[in-house]
């Protein structure tokens, strides 16, 4: 039996939720492979495009600063 057939046989014997975990893991391994990685700038552009297409509001520079400050413990010493 080939490795591929053995993997499929074992995968088919798993419950549905475990099969999905295996698929997620395989996808994760594929993403770790540097040959398959999308450059960060391109990935960020894809994310931005999806956000814009969804109709969600994009933060401006001030809103980004406020968001970062709030996540890091507040806006100490900053003029509003």
Protein backbone atom coordinates (compact mmCIF):
# COMPACT_ATOMS: atom_id res chain seq x y z
CA UNK A 1 0.00 0.00 0.00
CA UNK A 2 1.39 3.41 -0.95
CA UNK A 3 1.82 6.19 1.61
CA UNK A 4 -1.01 8.09 -0.05
CA UNK A 5 -3.39 5.13 0.17
CA UNK A 6 -2.37 4.45 3.77
CA UNK A 7 -3.00 8.08 4.69
CA UNK A 8 -6.40 8.08 3.00
CA UNK A 9 -7.40 4.82 4.68
CA UNK A 10 -6.48 6.18 8.11
CA UNK A 11 -8.12 9.54 7.34
CA UNK A 12 -11.38 7.85 6.29
CA UNK A 13 -11.47 5.95 9.59
CA UNK A 14 -11.48 9.20 11.59
CA UNK A 15 -14.63 11.02 12.72
CA UNK A 16 -15.58 14.09 10.62
CA UNK A 17 -14.21 16.63 13.14
CA UNK A 18 -10.85 14.84 13.23
CA UNK A 19 -10.72 14.68 9.43
CA UNK A 20 -11.14 18.46 9.39
CA UNK A 21 -8.30 18.82 11.92
CA UNK A 22 -6.06 16.75 9.66
CA UNK A 23 -6.96 18.95 6.67
CA UNK A 24 -6.21 22.08 8.72
CA UNK A 25 -2.87 20.62 9.75
CA UNK A 26 -1.94 19.74 6.17
CA UNK A 27 -2.86 23.27 5.09
CA UNK A 28 -0.72 24.67 7.93
CA UNK A 29 2.26 22.59 6.84
CA UNK A 30 1.78 23.82 3.28
CA UNK A 31 1.80 27.43 4.45
CA UNK A 32 5.04 26.86 6.36
CA UNK A 33 6.73 25.76 3.16
CA UNK A 34 8.55 28.90 2.05
CA UNK A 35 8.01 28.10 -1.63
CA UNK A 36 4.25 28.47 -1.05
CA UNK A 37 4.42 31.65 1.04
CA UNK A 38 2.90 34.81 -0.30
CA UNK A 39 5.06 37.88 0.42
CA UNK A 40 3.77 39.80 3.44
CA UNK A 41 2.91 42.94 1.48
CA UNK A 42 0.84 40.95 -0.99
CA UNK A 43 -0.92 39.07 1.83
CA UNK A 44 -1.74 42.34 3.61
CA UNK A 45 -3.14 43.76 0.36
CA UNK A 46 -5.36 40.69 -0.03
CA UNK A 47 -6.65 41.14 3.52
CA UNK A 48 -7.32 44.84 2.90
CA UNK A 49 -9.18 44.04 -0.33
CA UNK A 50 -11.42 41.55 1.51
CA UNK A 51 -12.16 44.10 4.25
CA UNK A 52 -13.05 46.80 1.72
CA UNK A 53 -15.24 44.34 -0.21
CA UNK A 54 -17.08 43.44 3.00
CA UNK A 55 -18.03 47.10 3.52
CA UNK A 56 -16.24 47.36 6.86
CA UNK A 57 -14.69 50.66 7.90
CA UNK A 58 -10.91 50.97 7.49
CA UNK A 59 -9.13 52.74 10.34
CA UNK A 60 -7.21 55.95 9.67
CA UNK A 61 -3.83 56.66 11.34
CA UNK A 62 -5.36 58.24 14.47
CA UNK A 63 -7.81 55.36 14.89
CA UNK A 64 -4.98 52.87 14.53
CA UNK A 65 -2.94 54.69 17.21
CA UNK A 66 -5.94 54.70 19.56
CA UNK A 67 -6.60 51.01 18.92
CA UNK A 68 -2.97 50.10 19.62
CA UNK A 69 -2.87 52.25 22.74
CA UNK A 70 -6.07 50.74 24.09
CA UNK A 71 -4.70 47.23 23.56
CA UNK A 72 -1.45 48.17 25.27
CA UNK A 73 -3.00 49.57 28.40
CA UNK A 74 -4.53 52.93 27.58
CA UNK A 75 -3.82 56.33 26.19
CA UNK A 76 -1.51 57.62 28.91
CA UNK A 77 -0.01 61.01 28.21
CA UNK A 78 -1.69 61.45 24.87
CA UNK A 79 -3.64 64.55 23.89
CA UNK A 80 -7.07 63.74 22.44
